[in-house]
Amino acid sequence: MFEVNSKIVEIPEEVTVTLDGKRLEVRGEKGRLVEDFSQVPVSLRMEDRKIIISTFESRRKTSALVGTVYSHIRNMIRGVTKGFTYKLKIVYSHFPISVKVDQDKVLIENFIGERNPRIAKIVGETKVTIKGDDILVQGINIKEVSQTSANIEQATKVKSRDPRKFLDGIYVYEKVEGIAT
């Protein structure tokens, strides 16, 4: 049996990777990430300072999964070495929006004059800071950072008004590799 499709991920010197079956643990200066690829029909193996992802099937969907797993592993390595920052902008022209962080949720108050705050969940170990009209969402796991940003953006989605005229909300305007201060 031979490999139909394979990709190789180079492991930097400052990162330690442990592969136990299909459970991958990546450690770096920013922290530790663990991902379980047991549900994915690909083969993972380590040789020297490389992770080789391969498949033995020639189906298009299975071959596409090699690229997906490759991207996940690269994002894990980038996360533990540099981290990720998503920047969101608070935009309003009608009612001034106030945003607060309360433990594991973001409270968006006075959005379009509503009395009750809108709530967005903070996922995992993501850190949310508010600086004026900017919100910084930071962390080492890109899935958690992007999902938290999406939750904040979705909490201020308005369906009942004309989007060309009514632009109030919170929007992602920049995605940066590295944890900005």
N, C-alpha and C. Protein backbone atom coordinates (compact mmCIF):
# COMPACT_ATOMS: atom_id res chain seq x y z
N MET A 1 0.84 -1.18 0.00
CA MET A 1 0.00 0.00 0.00
C MET A 1 0.88 1.25 0.00
N PHE A 2 0.57 2.21 -0.82
CA PHE A 2 1.40 3.40 -0.92
C PHE A 2 0.57 4.66 -0.65
N GLU A 3 1.28 5.72 -0.28
CA GLU A 3 0.62 6.99 0.04
C GLU A 3 0.14 7.65 -1.24
N VAL A 4 -1.10 8.10 -1.23
CA VAL A 4 -1.66 8.80 -2.38
C VAL A 4 -1.36 10.29 -2.28
N ASN A 5 -1.56 10.84 -1.10
CA ASN A 5 -1.37 12.28 -0.89
C ASN A 5 -0.70 12.47 0.46
N SER A 6 0.31 13.32 0.53
CA SER A 6 0.95 13.58 1.82
C SER A 6 1.50 15.00 1.87
N LYS A 7 1.59 15.52 3.08
CA LYS A 7 2.17 16.84 3.34
C LYS A 7 3.06 16.73 4.56
N ILE A 8 4.08 17.60 4.62
CA ILE A 8 5.05 17.58 5.71
C ILE A 8 5.04 18.92 6.43
N VAL A 9 4.94 18.87 7.76
CA VAL A 9 5.01 20.07 8.59
C VAL A 9 6.37 20.07 9.28
N GLU A 10 7.13 21.14 9.06
CA GLU A 10 8.42 21.31 9.73
C GLU A 10 8.16 21.82 11.16
N ILE A 11 8.84 21.25 12.15
CA ILE A 11 8.69 21.67 13.54
C ILE A 11 9.86 22.57 13.91
N PRO A 12 9.59 23.83 14.32
CA PRO A 12 10.69 24.72 14.72
C PRO A 12 11.41 24.22 15.97
N GLU A 13 12.61 24.71 16.21
CA GLU A 13 13.43 24.27 17.34
C GLU A 13 12.79 24.60 18.70
N GLU A 14 12.09 25.74 18.80
CA GLU A 14 11.52 26.17 20.08
C GLU A 14 10.21 25.47 20.43
N VAL A 15 9.75 24.56 19.58
CA VAL A 15 8.48 23.88 19.79
C VAL A 15 8.74 22.39 20.03
N THR A 16 8.04 21.84 21.03
CA THR A 16 8.11 20.39 21.25
C THR A 16 6.76 19.79 20.90
N VAL A 17 6.81 18.70 20.15
CA VAL A 17 5.59 18.04 19.68
C VAL A 17 5.60 16.59 20.15
N THR A 18 4.46 16.16 20.71
CA THR A 18 4.30 14.78 21.13
C THR A 18 3.14 14.18 20.35
N LEU A 19 3.38 13.06 19.70
CA LEU A 19 2.34 12.39 18.93
C LEU A 19 2.07 11.03 19.57
N ASP A 20 0.84 10.84 20.08
CA ASP A 20 0.44 9.58 20.71
C ASP A 20 -0.74 9.04 19.92
N GLY A 21 -0.47 8.17 18.98
CA GLY A 21 -1.52 7.70 18.07
C GLY A 21 -1.89 8.84 17.15
N LYS A 22 -3.12 9.34 17.29
CA LYS A 22 -3.54 10.51 16.51
C LYS A 22 -3.81 11.71 17.42
N ARG A 23 -3.33 11.64 18.64
CA ARG A 23 -3.46 12.75 19.59
C ARG A 23 -2.16 13.54 19.56
N LEU A 24 -2.25 14.82 19.16
CA LEU A 24 -1.08 15.66 18.98
C LEU A 24 -1.03 16.72 20.06
N GLU A 25 0.11 16.83 20.73
CA GLU A 25 0.32 17.86 21.74
C GLU A 25 1.47 18.75 21.28
N VAL A 26 1.23 20.06 21.25
CA VAL A 26 2.23 21.02 20.81
C VAL A 26 2.50 21.98 21.96
N ARG A 27 3.79 22.11 22.35
CA ARG A 27 4.18 23.02 23.43
C ARG A 27 5.15 24.05 22.90
N GLY A 28 4.95 25.29 23.37
CA GLY A 28 5.83 26.38 22.98
C GLY A 28 5.91 27.39 24.10
N GLU A 29 6.53 28.53 23.82
CA GLU A 29 6.70 29.55 24.86
C GLU A 29 5.39 30.17 25.32
N LYS A 30 4.37 30.21 24.48
CA LYS A 30 3.08 30.82 24.84
C LYS A 30 2.15 29.85 25.57
N GLY A 31 2.39 28.55 25.41
CA GLY A 31 1.51 27.60 26.09
C GLY A 31 1.51 26.25 25.42
N ARG A 32 0.40 25.53 25.62
CA ARG A 32 0.28 24.15 25.17
C ARG A 32 -1.08 23.95 24.51
N LEU A 33 -1.09 23.27 23.35
CA LEU A 33 -2.33 22.95 22.66
C LEU A 33 -2.39 21.45 22.39
N VAL A 34 -3.57 20.88 22.55
CA VAL A 34 -3.77 19.45 22.30
C VAL A 34 -4.92 19.31 21.31
N GLU A 35 -4.72 18.45 20.32
CA GLU A 35 -5.76 18.20 19.32
C GLU A 35 -5.82 16.70 19.05
N ASP A 36 -7.04 16.18 18.94
CA ASP A 36 -7.24 14.76 18.69
C ASP A 36 -7.74 14.59 17.26
N PHE A 37 -6.95 13.93 16.42
CA PHE A 37 -7.31 13.70 15.03
C PHE A 37 -7.79 12.27 14.79
N SER A 38 -8.30 11.61 15.82
CA SER A 38 -8.69 10.20 15.70
C SER A 38 -9.89 9.99 14.78
N GLN A 39 -10.72 11.00 14.57
CA GLN A 39 -11.89 10.87 13.71
C GLN A 39 -11.57 11.12 12.24
N VAL A 40 -10.34 11.57 11.95
CA VAL A 40 -9.95 11.93 10.60
C VAL A 40 -9.23 10.74 9.94
N PRO A 41 -9.67 10.32 8.75
CA PRO A 41 -9.04 9.14 8.11
C PRO A 41 -7.72 9.47 7.41
N VAL A 42 -6.75 9.95 8.17
CA VAL A 42 -5.41 10.21 7.65
C VAL A 42 -4.40 9.56 8.59
N SER A 43 -3.19 9.41 8.09
CA SER A 43 -2.12 8.82 8.88
C SER A 43 -1.17 9.93 9.34
N LEU A 44 -0.82 9.92 10.63
CA LEU A 44 0.13 10.89 11.19
C LEU A 44 1.35 10.14 11.70
N ARG A 45 2.54 10.64 11.37
CA ARG A 45 3.76 10.06 11.92
C ARG A 45 4.84 11.13 12.01
N MET A 46 5.76 10.93 12.95
CA MET A 46 6.87 11.87 13.14
C MET A 46 8.17 11.23 12.70
N GLU A 47 8.97 12.01 11.99
CA GLU A 47 10.32 11.61 11.60
C GLU A 47 11.21 12.82 11.81
N ASP A 48 12.24 12.69 12.63
CA ASP A 48 13.14 13.79 12.98
C ASP A 48 12.32 14.95 13.52
N ARG A 49 12.40 16.13 12.91
CA ARG A 49 11.65 17.31 13.34
C ARG A 49 10.54 17.61 12.32
N LYS A 50 9.87 16.56 11.87
CA LYS A 50 8.82 16.71 10.86
C LYS A 50 7.62 15.84 11.23
N ILE A 51 6.42 16.36 10.91
CA ILE A 51 5.20 15.57 11.03
C ILE A 51 4.72 15.31 9.61
N ILE A 52 4.49 14.04 9.29
CA ILE A 52 4.05 13.67 7.95
C ILE A 52 2.59 13.25 8.04
N ILE A 53 1.75 13.95 7.26
CA ILE A 53 0.31 13.67 7.20
C ILE A 53 0.08 13.02 5.85
N SER A 54 -0.52 11.83 5.82
CA SER A 54 -0.72 11.16 4.54
C SER A 54 -2.03 10.38 4.55
N THR A 55 -2.46 10.03 3.35
CA THR A 55 -3.65 9.21 3.18
C THR A 55 -3.35 8.12 2.18
N PHE A 56 -4.06 7.00 2.32
CA PHE A 56 -3.86 5.87 1.43
C PHE A 56 -5.03 5.72 0.46
N GLU A 57 -6.03 6.60 0.58
CA GLU A 57 -7.18 6.57 -0.31
C GLU A 57 -7.03 7.63 -1.38
N SER A 58 -7.61 7.39 -2.55
CA SER A 58 -7.50 8.36 -3.63
C SER A 58 -8.75 9.22 -3.78
N ARG A 59 -9.70 9.08 -2.86
CA ARG A 59 -10.91 9.91 -2.93
C ARG A 59 -10.57 11.37 -2.68
N ARG A 60 -11.28 12.25 -3.35
CA ARG A 60 -11.01 13.68 -3.26
C ARG A 60 -11.22 14.21 -1.84
N LYS A 61 -12.29 13.78 -1.17
CA LYS A 61 -12.57 14.28 0.19
C LYS A 61 -11.48 13.85 1.17
N THR A 62 -11.00 12.64 1.05
CA THR A 62 -9.95 12.16 1.94
C THR A 62 -8.65 12.91 1.68
N SER A 63 -8.35 13.16 0.40
CA SER A 63 -7.14 13.92 0.06
C SER A 63 -7.24 15.36 0.57
N ALA A 64 -8.44 15.93 0.55
CA ALA A 64 -8.64 17.29 1.05
C ALA A 64 -8.40 17.36 2.56
N LEU A 65 -8.70 16.26 3.27
CA LEU A 65 -8.49 16.23 4.71
C LEU A 65 -7.01 16.33 5.08
N VAL A 66 -6.13 15.87 4.19
CA VAL A 66 -4.68 16.00 4.44
C VAL A 66 -4.32 17.47 4.56
N GLY A 67 -4.84 18.30 3.66
CA GLY A 67 -4.59 19.74 3.71
C GLY A 67 -5.21 20.39 4.94
N THR A 68 -6.38 19.93 5.34
CA THR A 68 -7.05 20.47 6.53
C THR A 68 -6.24 20.18 7.79
N VAL A 69 -5.80 18.93 7.95
CA VAL A 69 -5.01 18.56 9.13
C VAL A 69 -3.68 19.31 9.12
N TYR A 70 -3.08 19.46 7.93
CA TYR A 70 -1.84 20.22 7.77
C TYR A 70 -2.02 21.65 8.28
N SER A 71 -3.11 22.30 7.88
CA SER A 71 -3.39 23.67 8.32
C SER A 71 -3.62 23.75 9.83
N HIS A 72 -4.34 22.77 10.38
CA HIS A 72 -4.57 22.75 11.83
C HIS A 72 -3.26 22.66 12.60
N ILE A 73 -2.37 21.78 12.16
CA ILE A 73 -1.09 21.60 12.86
C ILE A 73 -0.24 22.86 12.73
N ARG A 74 -0.20 23.47 11.54
CA ARG A 74 0.55 24.72 11.37
C ARG A 74 -0.01 25.83 12.26
N ASN A 75 -1.35 25.92 12.37
CA ASN A 75 -1.97 26.92 13.24
C ASN A 75 -1.64 26.66 14.71
N MET A 76 -1.55 25.38 15.10
CA MET A 76 -1.17 25.06 16.48
C MET A 76 0.26 25.52 16.76
N ILE A 77 1.17 25.28 15.82
CA ILE A 77 2.57 25.69 16.00
C ILE A 77 2.67 27.22 16.02
N ARG A 78 1.96 27.90 15.13
CA ARG A 78 1.96 29.37 15.12
C ARG A 78 1.36 29.92 16.41
N GLY A 79 0.35 29.23 16.95
CA GLY A 79 -0.31 29.68 18.18
C GLY A 79 0.60 29.61 19.38
N VAL A 80 1.35 28.50 19.54
CA VAL A 80 2.20 28.36 20.72
C VAL A 80 3.49 29.17 20.60
N THR A 81 3.85 29.61 19.41
CA THR A 81 5.05 30.45 19.26
C THR A 81 4.71 31.94 19.25
N LYS A 82 3.65 32.32 18.54
CA LYS A 82 3.33 33.74 18.40
C LYS A 82 1.99 34.13 19.00
N GLY A 83 0.97 33.29 18.82
CA GLY A 83 -0.38 33.62 19.28
C GLY A 83 -1.16 34.32 18.18
N PHE A 84 -2.42 34.65 18.47
CA PHE A 84 -3.30 35.29 17.49
C PHE A 84 -4.03 36.46 18.14
N THR A 85 -4.24 37.52 17.38
CA THR A 85 -5.00 38.68 17.84
C THR A 85 -6.01 39.07 16.77
N TYR A 86 -7.26 39.20 17.15
CA TYR A 86 -8.29 39.73 16.26
C TYR A 86 -8.70 41.08 16.83
N LYS A 87 -8.76 42.09 15.96
CA LYS A 87 -9.15 43.43 16.39
C LYS A 87 -10.55 43.73 15.86
N LEU A 88 -11.41 44.18 16.77
CA LEU A 88 -12.77 44.53 16.41
C LEU A 88 -13.00 46.01 16.69
N LYS A 89 -13.84 46.65 15.90
CA LYS A 89 -14.15 48.06 16.05
C LYS A 89 -15.61 48.21 16.45
N ILE A 90 -15.85 49.06 17.47
CA ILE A 90 -17.22 49.38 17.89
C ILE A 90 -17.68 50.57 17.05
N VAL A 91 -18.74 50.36 16.28
CA VAL A 91 -19.24 51.39 15.37
C VAL A 91 -20.67 51.75 15.76
N TYR A 92 -20.92 53.05 15.94
CA TYR A 92 -22.29 53.48 16.23
C TYR A 92 -22.48 54.90 15.74
N SER A 93 -23.70 55.19 15.31
CA SER A 93 -24.05 56.56 14.92
C SER A 93 -25.35 56.99 15.58
N HIS A 94 -26.08 56.05 16.14
CA HIS A 94 -27.37 56.36 16.75
C HIS A 94 -27.30 56.40 18.27
N PHE A 95 -26.94 55.30 18.88
CA PHE A 95 -26.84 55.22 20.34
C PHE A 95 -25.41 54.80 20.71
N PRO A 96 -24.79 55.48 21.69
CA PRO A 96 -23.42 55.07 22.08
C PRO A 96 -23.42 53.70 22.75
N ILE A 97 -22.63 52.80 22.21
CA ILE A 97 -22.56 51.42 22.71
C ILE A 97 -21.49 51.36 23.79
N SER A 98 -21.80 50.69 24.91
CA SER A 98 -20.78 50.44 25.92
C SER A 98 -20.56 48.94 26.03
N VAL A 99 -19.28 48.55 26.07
CA VAL A 99 -18.91 47.13 26.08
C VAL A 99 -18.11 46.85 27.34
N LYS A 100 -18.47 45.75 28.03
CA LYS A 100 -17.77 45.34 29.25
C LYS A 100 -17.49 43.85 29.18
N VAL A 101 -16.39 43.44 29.83
CA VAL A 101 -16.06 42.03 29.94
C VAL A 101 -16.44 41.58 31.34
N ASP A 102 -17.24 40.51 31.43
CA ASP A 102 -17.67 39.96 32.71
C ASP A 102 -17.36 38.47 32.73
N GLN A 103 -16.25 38.09 33.33
CA GLN A 103 -15.77 36.71 33.45
C GLN A 103 -15.68 36.04 32.08
N ASP A 104 -16.64 35.18 31.72
CA ASP A 104 -16.55 34.45 30.46
C ASP A 104 -17.54 34.96 29.41
N LYS A 105 -17.95 36.22 29.53
CA LYS A 105 -18.85 36.79 28.52
C LYS A 105 -18.59 38.28 28.32
N VAL A 106 -18.99 38.77 27.17
CA VAL A 106 -18.88 40.18 26.83
C VAL A 106 -20.29 40.76 26.86
N LEU A 107 -20.47 41.83 27.62
CA LEU A 107 -21.77 42.49 27.72
C LEU A 107 -21.77 43.73 26.81
N ILE A 108 -22.73 43.79 25.90
CA ILE A 108 -22.85 44.92 24.98
C ILE A 108 -24.11 45.67 25.40
N GLU A 109 -23.90 46.86 26.00
CA GLU A 109 -25.02 47.61 26.56
C GLU A 109 -25.38 48.80 25.68
N ASN A 110 -26.66 49.18 25.72
CA ASN A 110 -27.22 50.32 25.00
C ASN A 110 -27.09 50.17 23.49
N PHE A 111 -27.06 48.95 22.99
CA PHE A 111 -27.01 48.74 21.55
C PHE A 111 -28.37 49.06 20.97
N ILE A 112 -28.44 49.94 20.02
CA ILE A 112 -29.65 50.52 19.41
C ILE A 112 -30.70 50.91 20.46
N GLY A 113 -30.22 51.36 21.62
CA GLY A 113 -31.10 51.85 22.67
C GLY A 113 -31.81 50.78 23.47
N GLU A 114 -31.38 49.55 23.36
CA GLU A 114 -32.03 48.46 24.09
C GLU A 114 -31.70 48.55 25.58
N ARG A 115 -32.66 48.17 26.41
CA ARG A 115 -32.46 48.23 27.86
C ARG A 115 -31.64 47.04 28.36
N ASN A 116 -31.87 45.88 27.79
CA ASN A 116 -31.14 44.68 28.22
C ASN A 116 -29.84 44.54 27.43
N PRO A 117 -28.77 44.14 28.10
CA PRO A 117 -27.50 43.98 27.36
C PRO A 117 -27.53 42.73 26.47
N ARG A 118 -26.81 42.82 25.37
CA ARG A 118 -26.61 41.65 24.53
C ARG A 118 -25.36 40.95 25.05
N ILE A 119 -25.35 39.62 25.00
CA ILE A 119 -24.27 38.84 25.61
C ILE A 119 -23.59 37.99 24.54
N ALA A 120 -22.24 38.04 24.54
CA ALA A 120 -21.44 37.21 23.64
C ALA A 120 -20.53 36.35 24.51
N LYS A 121 -20.48 35.06 24.23
CA LYS A 121 -19.69 34.12 25.04
C LYS A 121 -18.21 34.17 24.64
N ILE A 122 -17.34 34.17 25.64
CA ILE A 122 -15.90 34.06 25.41
C ILE A 122 -15.55 32.57 25.47
N VAL A 123 -14.95 32.06 24.41
CA VAL A 123 -14.67 30.63 24.29
C VAL A 123 -13.27 30.31 24.81
N GLY A 124 -13.18 29.28 25.64
CA GLY A 124 -11.88 28.76 26.10
C GLY A 124 -11.06 29.75 26.90
N GLU A 125 -9.75 29.77 26.62
CA GLU A 125 -8.80 30.61 27.35
C GLU A 125 -8.51 31.92 26.62
N THR A 126 -9.46 32.40 25.86
CA THR A 126 -9.29 33.63 25.10
C THR A 126 -9.37 34.84 26.02
N LYS A 127 -8.51 35.83 25.76
CA LYS A 127 -8.48 37.05 26.57
C LYS A 127 -9.07 38.20 25.75
N VAL A 128 -10.04 38.90 26.31
CA VAL A 128 -10.69 40.02 25.63
C VAL A 128 -10.40 41.29 26.40
N THR A 129 -9.85 42.29 25.70
CA THR A 129 -9.59 43.61 26.31
C THR A 129 -10.24 44.68 25.46
N ILE A 130 -10.71 45.74 26.15
CA ILE A 130 -11.39 46.83 25.47
C ILE A 130 -10.55 48.09 25.63
N LYS A 131 -10.20 48.72 24.51
CA LYS A 131 -9.42 49.96 24.51
C LYS A 131 -10.17 50.98 23.67
N GLY A 132 -10.95 51.83 24.32
CA GLY A 132 -11.72 52.84 23.59
C GLY A 132 -12.76 52.19 22.70
N ASP A 133 -12.67 52.45 21.39
CA ASP A 133 -13.60 51.86 20.43
C ASP A 133 -13.07 50.57 19.82
N ASP A 134 -11.97 50.06 20.35
CA ASP A 134 -11.40 48.80 19.84
C ASP A 134 -11.55 47.69 20.88
N ILE A 135 -11.76 46.48 20.39
CA ILE A 135 -11.79 45.30 21.23
C ILE A 135 -10.70 44.36 20.71
N LEU A 136 -9.81 43.92 21.60
CA LEU A 136 -8.76 42.97 21.22
C LEU A 136 -9.12 41.60 21.76
N VAL A 137 -9.16 40.61 20.87
CA VAL A 137 -9.42 39.22 21.25
C VAL A 137 -8.12 38.47 20.99
N GLN A 138 -7.51 37.92 22.07
CA GLN A 138 -6.19 37.31 21.95
C GLN A 138 -6.16 35.92 22.55
N GLY A 139 -5.28 35.07 22.00
CA GLY A 139 -5.10 33.74 22.53
C GLY A 139 -4.16 32.93 21.66
N ILE A 140 -3.91 31.68 22.08
CA ILE A 140 -3.01 30.83 21.32
C ILE A 140 -3.77 29.84 20.43
N ASN A 141 -5.05 29.63 20.70
CA ASN A 141 -5.86 28.71 19.91
C ASN A 141 -6.69 29.51 18.92
N ILE A 142 -6.38 29.40 17.63
CA ILE A 142 -7.06 30.20 16.61
C ILE A 142 -8.56 29.89 16.54
N LYS A 143 -8.94 28.66 16.86
CA LYS A 143 -10.36 28.31 16.85
C LYS A 143 -11.12 29.09 17.91
N GLU A 144 -10.55 29.16 19.12
CA GLU A 144 -11.22 29.88 20.22
C GLU A 144 -11.24 31.38 19.97
N VAL A 145 -10.14 31.93 19.46
CA VAL A 145 -10.06 33.37 19.19
C VAL A 145 -11.06 33.77 18.11
N SER A 146 -11.10 33.01 17.02
CA SER A 146 -12.02 33.36 15.93
C SER A 146 -13.48 33.15 16.33
N GLN A 147 -13.77 32.11 17.13
CA GLN A 147 -15.15 31.88 17.55
C GLN A 147 -15.63 32.97 18.51
N THR A 148 -14.75 33.41 19.41
CA THR A 148 -15.10 34.49 20.32
C THR A 148 -15.38 35.77 19.54
N SER A 149 -14.54 36.07 18.55
CA SER A 149 -14.75 37.25 17.70
C SER A 149 -16.06 37.16 16.95
N ALA A 150 -16.36 35.98 16.43
CA ALA A 150 -17.62 35.78 15.72
C ALA A 150 -18.82 35.94 16.65
N ASN A 151 -18.69 35.45 17.89
CA ASN A 151 -19.78 35.60 18.86
C ASN A 151 -20.06 37.06 19.15
N ILE A 152 -18.99 37.87 19.30
CA ILE A 152 -19.16 39.30 19.56
C ILE A 152 -19.81 39.98 18.36
N GLU A 153 -19.34 39.64 17.16
CA GLU A 153 -19.89 40.24 15.95
C GLU A 153 -21.36 39.86 15.76
N GLN A 154 -21.69 38.59 16.01
CA GLN A 154 -23.06 38.11 15.84
C GLN A 154 -24.02 38.69 16.87
N ALA A 155 -23.51 39.01 18.05
CA ALA A 155 -24.38 39.57 19.10
C ALA A 155 -24.93 40.93 18.70
N THR A 156 -24.24 41.63 17.80
CA THR A 156 -24.71 42.96 17.38
C THR A 156 -25.27 42.96 15.97
N LYS A 157 -25.66 41.80 15.48
CA LYS A 157 -26.24 41.72 14.14
C LYS A 157 -27.68 42.23 14.18
N VAL A 158 -28.03 43.10 13.24
CA VAL A 158 -29.37 43.67 13.19
C VAL A 158 -30.02 43.22 11.89
N LYS A 159 -31.22 42.65 12.01
CA LYS A 159 -31.91 42.15 10.82
C LYS A 159 -33.06 43.06 10.39
N SER A 160 -33.56 43.86 11.30
CA SER A 160 -34.79 44.60 11.02
C SER A 160 -34.58 45.97 10.37
N ARG A 161 -33.35 46.39 10.17
CA ARG A 161 -33.09 47.73 9.62
C ARG A 161 -32.29 47.64 8.33
N ASP A 162 -32.29 48.72 7.58
CA ASP A 162 -31.58 48.79 6.30
C ASP A 162 -30.07 48.82 6.56
N PRO A 163 -29.30 47.81 6.12
CA PRO A 163 -27.86 47.76 6.43
C PRO A 163 -27.04 48.85 5.74
N ARG A 164 -27.59 49.48 4.71
CA ARG A 164 -26.85 50.57 4.05
C ARG A 164 -26.88 51.84 4.89
N LYS A 165 -27.94 52.00 5.65
CA LYS A 165 -28.10 53.21 6.46
C LYS A 165 -27.70 52.96 7.91
N PHE A 166 -28.02 51.78 8.41
CA PHE A 166 -27.81 51.48 9.82
C PHE A 166 -26.59 50.57 9.98
N LEU A 167 -25.44 51.16 10.27
CA LEU A 167 -24.18 50.41 10.34
C LEU A 167 -23.73 50.11 11.76
N ASP A 168 -24.57 50.39 12.75
CA ASP A 168 -24.18 50.17 14.15
C ASP A 168 -23.86 48.70 14.38
N GLY A 169 -22.82 48.45 15.17
CA GLY A 169 -22.43 47.08 15.49
C GLY A 169 -20.97 47.01 15.86
N ILE A 170 -20.47 45.79 16.00
CA ILE A 170 -19.06 45.53 16.28
C ILE A 170 -18.56 44.63 15.17
N TYR A 171 -17.46 45.05 14.52
CA TYR A 171 -16.96 44.36 13.35
C TYR A 171 -15.47 44.05 13.46
N VAL A 172 -15.07 42.84 12.97
CA VAL A 172 -13.65 42.48 12.89
C VAL A 172 -13.04 43.29 11.75
N TYR A 173 -11.94 44.00 12.03
CA TYR A 173 -11.28 44.76 10.98
C TYR A 173 -9.84 44.35 10.75
N GLU A 174 -9.25 43.55 11.64
CA GLU A 174 -7.88 43.12 11.42
C GLU A 174 -7.62 41.81 12.17
N LYS A 175 -6.89 40.92 11.50
CA LYS A 175 -6.46 39.66 12.10
C LYS A 175 -4.95 39.65 12.06
N VAL A 176 -4.31 39.54 13.23
CA VAL A 176 -2.86 39.65 13.34
C VAL A 176 -2.29 38.38 13.94
N GLU A 177 -1.18 37.92 13.37
CA GLU A 177 -0.47 36.80 13.98
C GLU A 177 0.46 37.39 15.04
N GLY A 178 0.34 36.90 16.24
CA GLY A 178 1.11 37.46 17.36
C GLY A 178 0.16 38.13 18.32
N ILE A 179 0.56 38.16 19.58
CA ILE A 179 -0.27 38.79 20.59
C ILE A 179 0.21 40.22 20.75
N ALA A 180 -0.63 41.15 20.27
CA ALA A 180 -0.30 42.58 20.34
C ALA A 180 -0.59 43.10 21.73
N THR A 181 0.12 44.11 22.15
CA THR A 181 -0.13 44.71 23.45
C THR A 181 -0.64 46.12 23.32
